[in-house]
Amino acid sequence: MPTTTSITTTYAGEFAGKYISAALLSGKTLADGAITIKPNVKFKEVVKKISTDAIVKDATCDFDPTSTLTLTERILQPEEFQVNLELCKKDFRSDWEAVQMGYSAFDQLPSNFADFLIGHVASKVAEKTEQTIWGGVNATAGEFDGLTVLMAADADVNDAANGAETSYTSSNIVTLLGNVVDSIPALR
C-alpha cells in the first residue's frame, strides 16, 4: 500500500522560492560574502569558539604549561519571518493597467507590474535583512539580534564605544575610531 500524503494549502500562485532566496541573499553583507551563510539549519546549530591567553612565552629550558585554552560555543537558531502582503486582482481592474490584465474573469496582473512588485518587495526584504544583520534587536518584531547587539554582549569583543558612547554620530566617530586603534594588540 502506498504512503498516504496529505498537503493542505491555500497557495494558488507560482513557486516563490527563487524570489524569497534572491530577496534574502541580495543585501550587501550577504551578497558580498562578508559573513558565512549556514544553509538548511532547521532547528539549532552549534558553532564552536576557541580563545586563548598569551600562549607565546619567553623560552626557558623547562616546559611551563601555564597557558589557558577555553572552548565555548555559540548557538545559531533560525527565526521565521514573513512578508505580510496580499493583493487582490479585483483592486487592479479599474487601475491604469487594467487593459493589460485581459478581458476575462480569470485575468492576470500585468507582467511588468508583477515584475516591478516582486522586485520592490525583494528589495525591501533585502534592506530589512541588511539592517537587522547589523543593528537588529530580537525584542523588536521582525528582527533578530544583529552583530552590534551580539558583540556588545560578548566579553571577548573589544568595544569601540568603551561603554560610554551609545551611538555612532559625526561628533564622536573620531573618538570611537581612536578607541578601535587603541584596542588593537601591539605587534612586536
N, C-alpha and C. Protein backbone atom coordinates (compact mmCIF):
# COMPACT_ATOMS: atom_id res chain seq x y z
N MET A 1 0.85 -1.17 0.00
CA MET A 1 0.00 0.00 0.00
C MET A 1 0.90 1.24 0.00
N PRO A 2 0.62 2.21 -0.87
CA PRO A 2 1.46 3.40 -0.93
C PRO A 2 1.25 4.31 0.29
N THR A 3 2.25 5.13 0.53
CA THR A 3 2.18 6.10 1.63
C THR A 3 1.10 7.13 1.34
N THR A 4 0.32 7.44 2.33
CA THR A 4 -0.71 8.46 2.19
C THR A 4 -0.08 9.82 2.47
N THR A 5 -0.20 10.71 1.52
CA THR A 5 0.34 12.05 1.67
C THR A 5 -0.79 13.05 1.65
N SER A 6 -0.82 13.93 2.62
CA SER A 6 -1.86 14.95 2.69
C SER A 6 -1.20 16.31 2.72
N ILE A 7 -1.54 17.15 1.76
CA ILE A 7 -0.99 18.51 1.69
C ILE A 7 -2.15 19.47 1.73
N THR A 8 -2.16 20.31 2.74
CA THR A 8 -3.21 21.31 2.87
C THR A 8 -2.59 22.67 2.67
N THR A 9 -3.04 23.38 1.64
CA THR A 9 -2.50 24.69 1.36
C THR A 9 -3.54 25.52 0.63
N THR A 10 -3.45 26.82 0.79
CA THR A 10 -4.32 27.72 0.04
C THR A 10 -3.53 28.42 -1.04
N TYR A 11 -2.28 28.04 -1.22
CA TYR A 11 -1.42 28.70 -2.19
C TYR A 11 -1.85 28.37 -3.60
N ALA A 12 -2.10 29.41 -4.41
CA ALA A 12 -2.55 29.19 -5.78
C ALA A 12 -1.68 29.91 -6.79
N GLY A 13 -0.55 30.41 -6.39
CA GLY A 13 0.33 31.16 -7.28
C GLY A 13 1.50 30.35 -7.75
N GLU A 14 2.45 31.00 -8.36
CA GLU A 14 3.66 30.33 -8.80
C GLU A 14 4.60 30.13 -7.63
N PHE A 15 5.51 29.17 -7.77
CA PHE A 15 6.50 28.92 -6.73
C PHE A 15 7.34 30.18 -6.50
N ALA A 16 7.40 30.63 -5.25
CA ALA A 16 8.07 31.89 -4.94
C ALA A 16 9.44 31.68 -4.30
N GLY A 17 9.90 30.43 -4.21
CA GLY A 17 11.16 30.16 -3.54
C GLY A 17 12.34 30.93 -4.11
N LYS A 18 12.42 31.02 -5.44
CA LYS A 18 13.55 31.73 -6.04
C LYS A 18 13.50 33.22 -5.71
N TYR A 19 12.30 33.78 -5.58
CA TYR A 19 12.18 35.20 -5.22
C TYR A 19 12.58 35.42 -3.77
N ILE A 20 12.15 34.51 -2.89
CA ILE A 20 12.48 34.63 -1.48
C ILE A 20 13.98 34.52 -1.29
N SER A 21 14.59 33.54 -1.91
CA SER A 21 16.04 33.35 -1.81
C SER A 21 16.78 34.58 -2.31
N ALA A 22 16.37 35.10 -3.46
CA ALA A 22 17.01 36.30 -4.01
C ALA A 22 16.86 37.48 -3.07
N ALA A 23 15.69 37.65 -2.48
CA ALA A 23 15.45 38.77 -1.58
C ALA A 23 16.31 38.65 -0.33
N LEU A 24 16.39 37.47 0.24
CA LEU A 24 17.15 37.30 1.47
C LEU A 24 18.65 37.43 1.27
N LEU A 25 19.14 37.03 0.12
CA LEU A 25 20.58 37.00 -0.11
C LEU A 25 21.12 38.21 -0.87
N SER A 26 20.27 39.19 -1.20
CA SER A 26 20.74 40.28 -2.03
C SER A 26 21.20 41.51 -1.25
N GLY A 27 21.08 41.51 0.07
CA GLY A 27 21.65 42.61 0.85
C GLY A 27 23.15 42.62 0.71
N LYS A 28 23.78 43.75 0.88
CA LYS A 28 25.21 43.92 0.63
C LYS A 28 26.07 42.95 1.44
N THR A 29 25.80 42.83 2.72
CA THR A 29 26.61 41.98 3.59
C THR A 29 26.59 40.53 3.13
N LEU A 30 25.42 40.01 2.80
CA LEU A 30 25.31 38.62 2.37
C LEU A 30 25.79 38.44 0.93
N ALA A 31 25.42 39.36 0.06
CA ALA A 31 25.80 39.24 -1.36
C ALA A 31 27.31 39.33 -1.54
N ASP A 32 27.99 40.12 -0.70
CA ASP A 32 29.44 40.26 -0.81
C ASP A 32 30.20 39.16 -0.07
N GLY A 33 29.48 38.25 0.59
CA GLY A 33 30.14 37.16 1.31
C GLY A 33 30.85 37.63 2.57
N ALA A 34 30.40 38.75 3.15
CA ALA A 34 31.06 39.29 4.34
C ALA A 34 30.82 38.44 5.58
N ILE A 35 29.75 37.67 5.58
CA ILE A 35 29.51 36.72 6.66
C ILE A 35 29.14 35.38 6.04
N THR A 36 29.38 34.32 6.78
CA THR A 36 29.13 32.98 6.27
C THR A 36 27.64 32.65 6.38
N ILE A 37 27.09 32.13 5.32
CA ILE A 37 25.69 31.70 5.33
C ILE A 37 25.67 30.22 5.69
N LYS A 38 24.90 29.87 6.69
CA LYS A 38 24.74 28.49 7.12
C LYS A 38 23.39 28.00 6.59
N PRO A 39 23.36 27.33 5.44
CA PRO A 39 22.07 26.92 4.86
C PRO A 39 21.48 25.72 5.59
N ASN A 40 20.18 25.63 5.50
CA ASN A 40 19.44 24.45 5.96
C ASN A 40 19.57 24.13 7.44
N VAL A 41 19.71 25.17 8.28
CA VAL A 41 19.67 24.94 9.72
C VAL A 41 18.19 24.89 10.09
N LYS A 42 17.72 23.71 10.46
CA LYS A 42 16.29 23.53 10.70
C LYS A 42 15.88 23.96 12.10
N PHE A 43 16.70 23.65 13.10
CA PHE A 43 16.32 23.97 14.48
C PHE A 43 17.42 24.80 15.15
N LYS A 44 18.54 24.17 15.41
CA LYS A 44 19.68 24.87 16.01
C LYS A 44 20.96 24.27 15.46
N GLU A 45 22.00 25.07 15.49
CA GLU A 45 23.33 24.58 15.13
C GLU A 45 24.32 25.18 16.10
N VAL A 46 25.27 24.36 16.53
CA VAL A 46 26.29 24.81 17.48
C VAL A 46 27.56 25.16 16.72
N VAL A 47 28.08 26.35 16.99
CA VAL A 47 29.34 26.79 16.41
C VAL A 47 30.35 26.87 17.55
N LYS A 48 31.46 26.20 17.40
CA LYS A 48 32.49 26.17 18.44
C LYS A 48 33.30 27.47 18.43
N LYS A 49 33.64 27.94 19.62
CA LYS A 49 34.50 29.11 19.77
C LYS A 49 35.72 28.69 20.59
N ILE A 50 36.84 29.25 20.25
CA ILE A 50 38.06 28.97 20.99
C ILE A 50 38.73 30.29 21.36
N SER A 51 39.24 30.35 22.57
CA SER A 51 40.01 31.53 22.97
C SER A 51 41.20 31.06 23.81
N THR A 52 42.25 31.83 23.73
CA THR A 52 43.47 31.52 24.49
C THR A 52 43.99 32.79 25.12
N ASP A 53 44.84 32.61 26.11
CA ASP A 53 45.53 33.78 26.64
C ASP A 53 46.85 33.91 25.90
N ALA A 54 47.81 34.57 26.47
CA ALA A 54 49.12 34.75 25.82
C ALA A 54 49.83 33.41 25.77
N ILE A 55 49.70 32.71 24.66
CA ILE A 55 50.28 31.36 24.56
C ILE A 55 51.76 31.37 24.18
N VAL A 56 52.24 32.48 23.65
CA VAL A 56 53.67 32.57 23.31
C VAL A 56 54.39 33.17 24.51
N LYS A 57 55.36 32.42 25.03
CA LYS A 57 56.08 32.83 26.24
C LYS A 57 57.57 32.91 25.93
N ASP A 58 58.31 33.53 26.85
CA ASP A 58 59.77 33.55 26.71
C ASP A 58 60.29 32.13 26.83
N ALA A 59 61.28 31.83 26.05
CA ALA A 59 61.86 30.48 26.04
C ALA A 59 62.65 30.24 27.33
N THR A 60 62.48 29.02 27.84
CA THR A 60 63.26 28.58 29.01
C THR A 60 63.70 27.15 28.74
N CYS A 61 64.47 26.60 29.64
CA CYS A 61 64.91 25.22 29.49
C CYS A 61 63.82 24.24 29.89
N ASP A 62 62.82 24.72 30.60
CA ASP A 62 61.74 23.85 31.06
C ASP A 62 60.42 24.24 30.38
N PHE A 63 59.56 23.25 30.23
CA PHE A 63 58.23 23.49 29.67
C PHE A 63 57.31 23.91 30.81
N ASP A 64 56.57 24.98 30.60
CA ASP A 64 55.67 25.51 31.62
C ASP A 64 54.28 25.66 31.01
N PRO A 65 53.41 24.70 31.21
CA PRO A 65 52.10 24.71 30.56
C PRO A 65 51.09 25.62 31.26
N THR A 66 51.41 26.90 31.36
CA THR A 66 50.53 27.80 32.10
C THR A 66 49.57 28.58 31.22
N SER A 67 49.57 28.32 29.94
CA SER A 67 48.61 28.98 29.06
C SER A 67 47.22 28.40 29.31
N THR A 68 46.22 29.14 28.87
CA THR A 68 44.86 28.64 29.00
C THR A 68 44.20 28.56 27.63
N LEU A 69 43.40 27.55 27.47
CA LEU A 69 42.63 27.34 26.27
C LEU A 69 41.18 27.15 26.71
N THR A 70 40.29 27.95 26.16
CA THR A 70 38.89 27.87 26.54
C THR A 70 38.05 27.58 25.31
N LEU A 71 37.30 26.49 25.39
CA LEU A 71 36.37 26.13 24.32
C LEU A 71 34.96 26.46 24.78
N THR A 72 34.27 27.24 24.00
CA THR A 72 32.88 27.57 24.27
C THR A 72 32.10 27.38 22.98
N GLU A 73 30.87 27.77 23.00
CA GLU A 73 30.06 27.62 21.79
C GLU A 73 29.05 28.74 21.68
N ARG A 74 28.60 28.93 20.47
CA ARG A 74 27.52 29.89 20.16
C ARG A 74 26.44 29.07 19.47
N ILE A 75 25.21 29.28 19.88
CA ILE A 75 24.09 28.56 19.29
C ILE A 75 23.45 29.42 18.20
N LEU A 76 23.36 28.87 17.01
CA LEU A 76 22.63 29.53 15.93
C LEU A 76 21.23 28.95 15.91
N GLN A 77 20.24 29.82 15.96
CA GLN A 77 18.86 29.35 15.94
C GLN A 77 18.07 30.20 14.96
N PRO A 78 17.58 29.59 13.89
CA PRO A 78 16.82 30.36 12.90
C PRO A 78 15.53 30.93 13.48
N GLU A 79 15.11 32.03 12.93
CA GLU A 79 13.82 32.61 13.27
C GLU A 79 13.00 32.71 12.00
N GLU A 80 11.71 32.59 12.13
CA GLU A 80 10.84 32.66 10.97
C GLU A 80 10.25 34.06 10.86
N PHE A 81 10.27 34.59 9.65
CA PHE A 81 9.68 35.88 9.34
C PHE A 81 8.81 35.72 8.11
N GLN A 82 7.96 36.68 7.88
CA GLN A 82 7.10 36.62 6.70
C GLN A 82 6.85 38.03 6.18
N VAL A 83 6.49 38.08 4.92
CA VAL A 83 6.09 39.34 4.30
C VAL A 83 4.57 39.35 4.32
N ASN A 84 3.99 40.31 4.99
CA ASN A 84 2.53 40.41 5.11
C ASN A 84 1.99 41.31 4.02
N LEU A 85 1.83 40.73 2.84
CA LEU A 85 1.35 41.48 1.69
C LEU A 85 0.46 40.57 0.87
N GLU A 86 -0.77 40.98 0.66
CA GLU A 86 -1.70 40.21 -0.15
C GLU A 86 -2.41 41.17 -1.09
N LEU A 87 -2.40 40.84 -2.37
CA LEU A 87 -3.03 41.69 -3.37
C LEU A 87 -4.23 40.97 -3.97
N CYS A 88 -5.25 41.72 -4.24
CA CYS A 88 -6.44 41.18 -4.89
C CYS A 88 -6.48 41.75 -6.30
N LYS A 89 -6.60 40.88 -7.30
CA LYS A 89 -6.63 41.34 -8.69
C LYS A 89 -7.78 42.30 -8.94
N LYS A 90 -8.88 42.10 -8.23
CA LYS A 90 -10.05 42.96 -8.39
C LYS A 90 -9.69 44.44 -8.19
N ASP A 91 -8.78 44.71 -7.26
CA ASP A 91 -8.39 46.10 -6.99
C ASP A 91 -7.68 46.74 -8.17
N PHE A 92 -7.14 45.93 -9.07
CA PHE A 92 -6.39 46.47 -10.21
C PHE A 92 -7.23 46.56 -11.49
N ARG A 93 -8.46 46.07 -11.45
CA ARG A 93 -9.30 46.09 -12.66
C ARG A 93 -9.63 47.50 -13.12
N SER A 94 -9.70 48.44 -12.21
CA SER A 94 -10.01 49.82 -12.60
C SER A 94 -8.75 50.68 -12.65
N ASP A 95 -7.62 50.04 -12.49
CA ASP A 95 -6.35 50.75 -12.49
C ASP A 95 -5.93 51.10 -13.91
N TRP A 96 -4.94 51.95 -14.04
CA TRP A 96 -4.48 52.38 -15.36
C TRP A 96 -3.85 51.25 -16.16
N GLU A 97 -3.56 50.11 -15.53
CA GLU A 97 -3.00 48.97 -16.27
C GLU A 97 -4.05 47.89 -16.52
N ALA A 98 -5.34 48.22 -16.35
CA ALA A 98 -6.41 47.22 -16.47
C ALA A 98 -6.44 46.55 -17.83
N VAL A 99 -6.15 47.26 -18.91
CA VAL A 99 -6.19 46.69 -20.26
C VAL A 99 -5.22 45.52 -20.38
N GLN A 100 -4.08 45.61 -19.73
CA GLN A 100 -3.07 44.55 -19.82
C GLN A 100 -3.48 43.29 -19.08
N MET A 101 -4.52 43.37 -18.25
CA MET A 101 -4.92 42.22 -17.45
C MET A 101 -5.74 41.21 -18.24
N GLY A 102 -6.27 41.57 -19.38
CA GLY A 102 -7.08 40.66 -20.17
C GLY A 102 -8.55 40.97 -20.03
N TYR A 103 -9.36 40.21 -20.75
CA TYR A 103 -10.79 40.52 -20.84
C TYR A 103 -11.67 39.51 -20.11
N SER A 104 -11.12 38.51 -19.49
CA SER A 104 -11.95 37.51 -18.83
C SER A 104 -11.92 37.70 -17.32
N ALA A 105 -12.71 36.92 -16.66
CA ALA A 105 -12.74 36.97 -15.19
C ALA A 105 -11.48 36.34 -14.61
N PHE A 106 -10.73 35.61 -15.44
CA PHE A 106 -9.53 34.94 -14.96
C PHE A 106 -8.28 35.71 -15.37
N ASP A 107 -8.37 37.03 -15.26
CA ASP A 107 -7.26 37.87 -15.72
C ASP A 107 -6.05 37.75 -14.79
N GLN A 108 -4.94 38.20 -15.30
CA GLN A 108 -3.67 38.15 -14.57
C GLN A 108 -3.17 39.56 -14.33
N LEU A 109 -2.37 39.73 -13.26
CA LEU A 109 -1.71 41.02 -13.08
C LEU A 109 -0.79 41.25 -14.27
N PRO A 110 -0.70 42.48 -14.74
CA PRO A 110 0.22 42.76 -15.85
C PRO A 110 1.64 42.31 -15.47
N SER A 111 2.29 41.63 -16.39
CA SER A 111 3.61 41.08 -16.06
C SER A 111 4.61 42.15 -15.68
N ASN A 112 4.58 43.32 -16.33
CA ASN A 112 5.55 44.35 -15.97
C ASN A 112 5.27 44.90 -14.58
N PHE A 113 3.99 44.97 -14.17
CA PHE A 113 3.68 45.41 -12.80
C PHE A 113 4.05 44.32 -11.80
N ALA A 114 3.75 43.06 -12.14
CA ALA A 114 4.09 41.95 -11.25
C ALA A 114 5.61 41.89 -11.06
N ASP A 115 6.36 42.05 -12.14
CA ASP A 115 7.82 42.06 -12.04
C ASP A 115 8.31 43.20 -11.16
N PHE A 116 7.71 44.38 -11.36
CA PHE A 116 8.07 45.54 -10.54
C PHE A 116 7.77 45.27 -9.07
N LEU A 117 6.60 44.73 -8.79
CA LEU A 117 6.18 44.48 -7.41
C LEU A 117 7.09 43.45 -6.74
N ILE A 118 7.40 42.38 -7.45
CA ILE A 118 8.30 41.37 -6.89
C ILE A 118 9.67 41.99 -6.61
N GLY A 119 10.19 42.79 -7.53
CA GLY A 119 11.47 43.46 -7.32
C GLY A 119 11.42 44.43 -6.15
N HIS A 120 10.32 45.16 -6.03
CA HIS A 120 10.16 46.12 -4.93
C HIS A 120 10.13 45.40 -3.58
N VAL A 121 9.33 44.34 -3.49
CA VAL A 121 9.23 43.59 -2.24
C VAL A 121 10.58 42.94 -1.91
N ALA A 122 11.24 42.38 -2.93
CA ALA A 122 12.55 41.76 -2.71
C ALA A 122 13.55 42.77 -2.19
N SER A 123 13.54 43.99 -2.73
CA SER A 123 14.50 45.00 -2.26
C SER A 123 14.18 45.43 -0.84
N LYS A 124 12.90 45.49 -0.47
CA LYS A 124 12.52 45.84 0.91
C LYS A 124 12.95 44.74 1.89
N VAL A 125 12.77 43.48 1.48
CA VAL A 125 13.21 42.36 2.33
C VAL A 125 14.72 42.39 2.49
N ALA A 126 15.45 42.63 1.39
CA ALA A 126 16.91 42.69 1.45
C ALA A 126 17.36 43.85 2.33
N GLU A 127 16.71 44.99 2.21
CA GLU A 127 17.07 46.16 3.02
C GLU A 127 16.84 45.89 4.51
N LYS A 128 15.70 45.29 4.86
CA LYS A 128 15.41 44.98 6.26
C LYS A 128 16.37 43.93 6.80
N THR A 129 16.69 42.93 5.98
CA THR A 129 17.65 41.91 6.40
C THR A 129 19.02 42.53 6.66
N GLU A 130 19.46 43.40 5.77
CA GLU A 130 20.76 44.08 5.94
C GLU A 130 20.78 44.91 7.22
N GLN A 131 19.73 45.66 7.47
CA GLN A 131 19.66 46.48 8.69
C GLN A 131 19.67 45.60 9.93
N THR A 132 18.95 44.49 9.88
CA THR A 132 18.86 43.61 11.04
C THR A 132 20.17 42.88 11.29
N ILE A 133 20.88 42.49 10.24
CA ILE A 133 22.18 41.82 10.42
C ILE A 133 23.08 42.68 11.29
N TRP A 134 23.08 43.96 11.08
CA TRP A 134 23.99 44.84 11.81
C TRP A 134 23.39 45.40 13.10
N GLY A 135 22.15 45.86 13.06
CA GLY A 135 21.62 46.56 14.24
C GLY A 135 20.34 46.00 14.79
N GLY A 136 19.97 44.78 14.42
CA GLY A 136 18.70 44.21 14.87
C GLY A 136 18.68 43.93 16.36
N VAL A 137 17.49 43.99 16.92
CA VAL A 137 17.26 43.68 18.33
C VAL A 137 16.14 42.65 18.39
N ASN A 138 16.42 41.49 18.95
CA ASN A 138 15.47 40.38 18.95
C ASN A 138 14.12 40.76 19.55
N ALA A 139 14.10 41.69 20.50
CA ALA A 139 12.84 42.09 21.13
C ALA A 139 11.95 42.89 20.18
N THR A 140 12.50 43.36 19.07
CA THR A 140 11.73 44.11 18.08
C THR A 140 11.11 43.14 17.08
N ALA A 141 9.82 43.30 16.82
CA ALA A 141 9.13 42.40 15.89
C ALA A 141 9.81 42.45 14.51
N GLY A 142 10.01 41.28 13.91
CA GLY A 142 10.61 41.19 12.59
C GLY A 142 12.12 41.31 12.58
N GLU A 143 12.76 41.20 13.74
CA GLU A 143 14.23 41.31 13.82
C GLU A 143 14.81 40.18 14.66
N PHE A 144 16.08 39.95 14.47
CA PHE A 144 16.87 39.07 15.32
C PHE A 144 18.02 39.92 15.86
N ASP A 145 18.76 39.43 16.84
CA ASP A 145 19.88 40.20 17.36
C ASP A 145 20.94 40.34 16.28
N GLY A 146 21.28 41.58 15.97
CA GLY A 146 22.29 41.87 14.97
C GLY A 146 23.68 41.80 15.56
N LEU A 147 24.66 41.97 14.69
CA LEU A 147 26.06 41.86 15.11
C LEU A 147 26.44 42.85 16.19
N THR A 148 25.96 44.10 16.11
CA THR A 148 26.34 45.08 17.13
C THR A 148 25.78 44.69 18.49
N VAL A 149 24.59 44.14 18.54
CA VAL A 149 24.00 43.70 19.80
C VAL A 149 24.77 42.49 20.34
N LEU A 150 25.06 41.53 19.46
CA LEU A 150 25.79 40.33 19.89
C LEU A 150 27.21 40.67 20.35
N MET A 151 27.87 41.57 19.63
CA MET A 151 29.24 41.93 20.02
C MET A 151 29.26 42.70 21.34
N ALA A 152 28.28 43.56 21.55
CA ALA A 152 28.23 44.32 22.81
C ALA A 152 28.02 43.40 24.00
N ALA A 153 27.33 42.29 23.78
CA ALA A 153 27.06 41.34 24.87
C ALA A 153 28.19 40.33 25.07
N ASP A 154 29.16 40.30 24.17
CA ASP A 154 30.24 39.31 24.22
C ASP A 154 31.47 39.92 24.88
N ALA A 155 31.87 39.36 26.01
CA ALA A 155 33.01 39.89 26.76
C ALA A 155 34.33 39.75 25.99
N ASP A 156 34.38 38.85 25.00
CA ASP A 156 35.61 38.65 24.23
C ASP A 156 35.80 39.70 23.14
N VAL A 157 34.81 40.55 22.91
CA VAL A 157 34.87 41.54 21.85
C VAL A 157 35.30 42.88 22.43
N ASN A 158 36.31 43.50 21.81
CA ASN A 158 36.72 44.84 22.22
C ASN A 158 35.70 45.85 21.71
N ASP A 159 35.12 46.60 22.62
CA ASP A 159 34.06 47.54 22.28
C ASP A 159 34.64 48.91 21.98
N ALA A 160 34.43 49.39 20.77
CA ALA A 160 34.93 50.71 20.39
C ALA A 160 34.31 51.81 21.22
N ALA A 161 33.08 51.59 21.70
CA ALA A 161 32.41 52.62 22.48
C ALA A 161 32.90 52.65 23.93
N ASN A 162 33.60 51.61 24.35
CA ASN A 162 34.08 51.52 25.73
C ASN A 162 32.96 51.71 26.74
N GLY A 163 31.75 51.42 26.33
CA GLY A 163 30.62 51.54 27.24
C GLY A 163 30.11 52.96 27.43
N ALA A 164 30.84 53.97 26.96
CA ALA A 164 30.45 55.36 27.20
C ALA A 164 29.53 55.88 26.10
N GLU A 165 29.88 55.64 24.85
CA GLU A 165 29.06 56.14 23.75
C GLU A 165 27.96 55.14 23.44
N THR A 166 26.77 55.63 23.20
CA THR A 166 25.65 54.74 22.93
C THR A 166 25.23 54.74 21.47
N SER A 167 25.82 55.62 20.66
CA SER A 167 25.50 55.64 19.24
C SER A 167 26.72 56.13 18.48
N TYR A 168 26.67 55.96 17.18
CA TYR A 168 27.76 56.40 16.32
C TYR A 168 27.29 57.63 15.56
N THR A 169 27.88 58.78 15.87
CA THR A 169 27.48 60.04 15.25
C THR A 169 28.71 60.75 14.70
N SER A 170 28.48 61.77 13.91
CA SER A 170 29.61 62.53 13.35
C SER A 170 30.43 63.21 14.44
N SER A 171 29.83 63.48 15.58
CA SER A 171 30.58 64.17 16.64
C SER A 171 31.46 63.22 17.46
N ASN A 172 31.18 61.91 17.46
CA ASN A 172 32.00 61.00 18.27
C ASN A 172 32.75 59.95 17.46
N ILE A 173 32.64 59.96 16.15
CA ILE A 173 33.24 58.90 15.34
C ILE A 173 34.77 58.90 15.43
N VAL A 174 35.39 60.07 15.54
CA VAL A 174 36.85 60.11 15.67
C VAL A 174 37.27 59.46 16.98
N THR A 175 36.55 59.73 18.07
CA THR A 175 36.84 59.11 19.36
C THR A 175 36.68 57.60 19.27
N LEU A 176 35.61 57.15 18.63
CA LEU A 176 35.36 55.72 18.50
C LEU A 176 36.43 55.03 17.67
N LEU A 177 36.85 55.66 16.58
CA LEU A 177 37.93 55.08 15.77
C LEU A 177 39.23 55.04 16.57
N GLY A 178 39.47 56.07 17.37
CA GLY A 178 40.64 56.07 18.26
C GLY A 178 40.58 54.92 19.25
N ASN A 179 39.39 54.65 19.79
CA ASN A 179 39.22 53.52 20.70
C ASN A 179 39.54 52.19 20.01
N VAL A 180 39.15 52.08 18.75
CA VAL A 180 39.44 50.86 17.99
C VAL A 180 40.96 50.71 17.82
N VAL A 181 41.62 51.77 17.43
CA VAL A 181 43.09 51.73 17.26
C VAL A 181 43.76 51.39 18.57
N ASP A 182 43.31 51.98 19.68
CA ASP A 182 43.91 51.71 20.98
C ASP A 182 43.73 50.26 21.43
N SER A 183 42.67 49.60 20.97
CA SER A 183 42.43 48.22 21.40
C SER A 183 43.10 47.17 20.51
N ILE A 184 43.74 47.61 19.43
CA ILE A 184 44.45 46.66 18.56
C ILE A 184 45.72 46.20 19.28
N PRO A 185 45.92 44.90 19.40
CA PRO A 185 47.12 44.41 20.07
C PRO A 185 48.38 44.89 19.35
N ALA A 186 49.37 45.26 20.13
CA ALA A 186 50.63 45.72 19.55
C ALA A 186 51.39 44.54 18.98
N LEU A 187 51.96 44.75 17.81
CA LEU A 187 52.82 43.72 17.20
C LEU A 187 54.25 43.99 17.63
N ARG A 188 54.92 42.96 18.01
CA ARG A 188 56.29 43.13 18.47
C ARG A 188 57.26 42.46 17.56
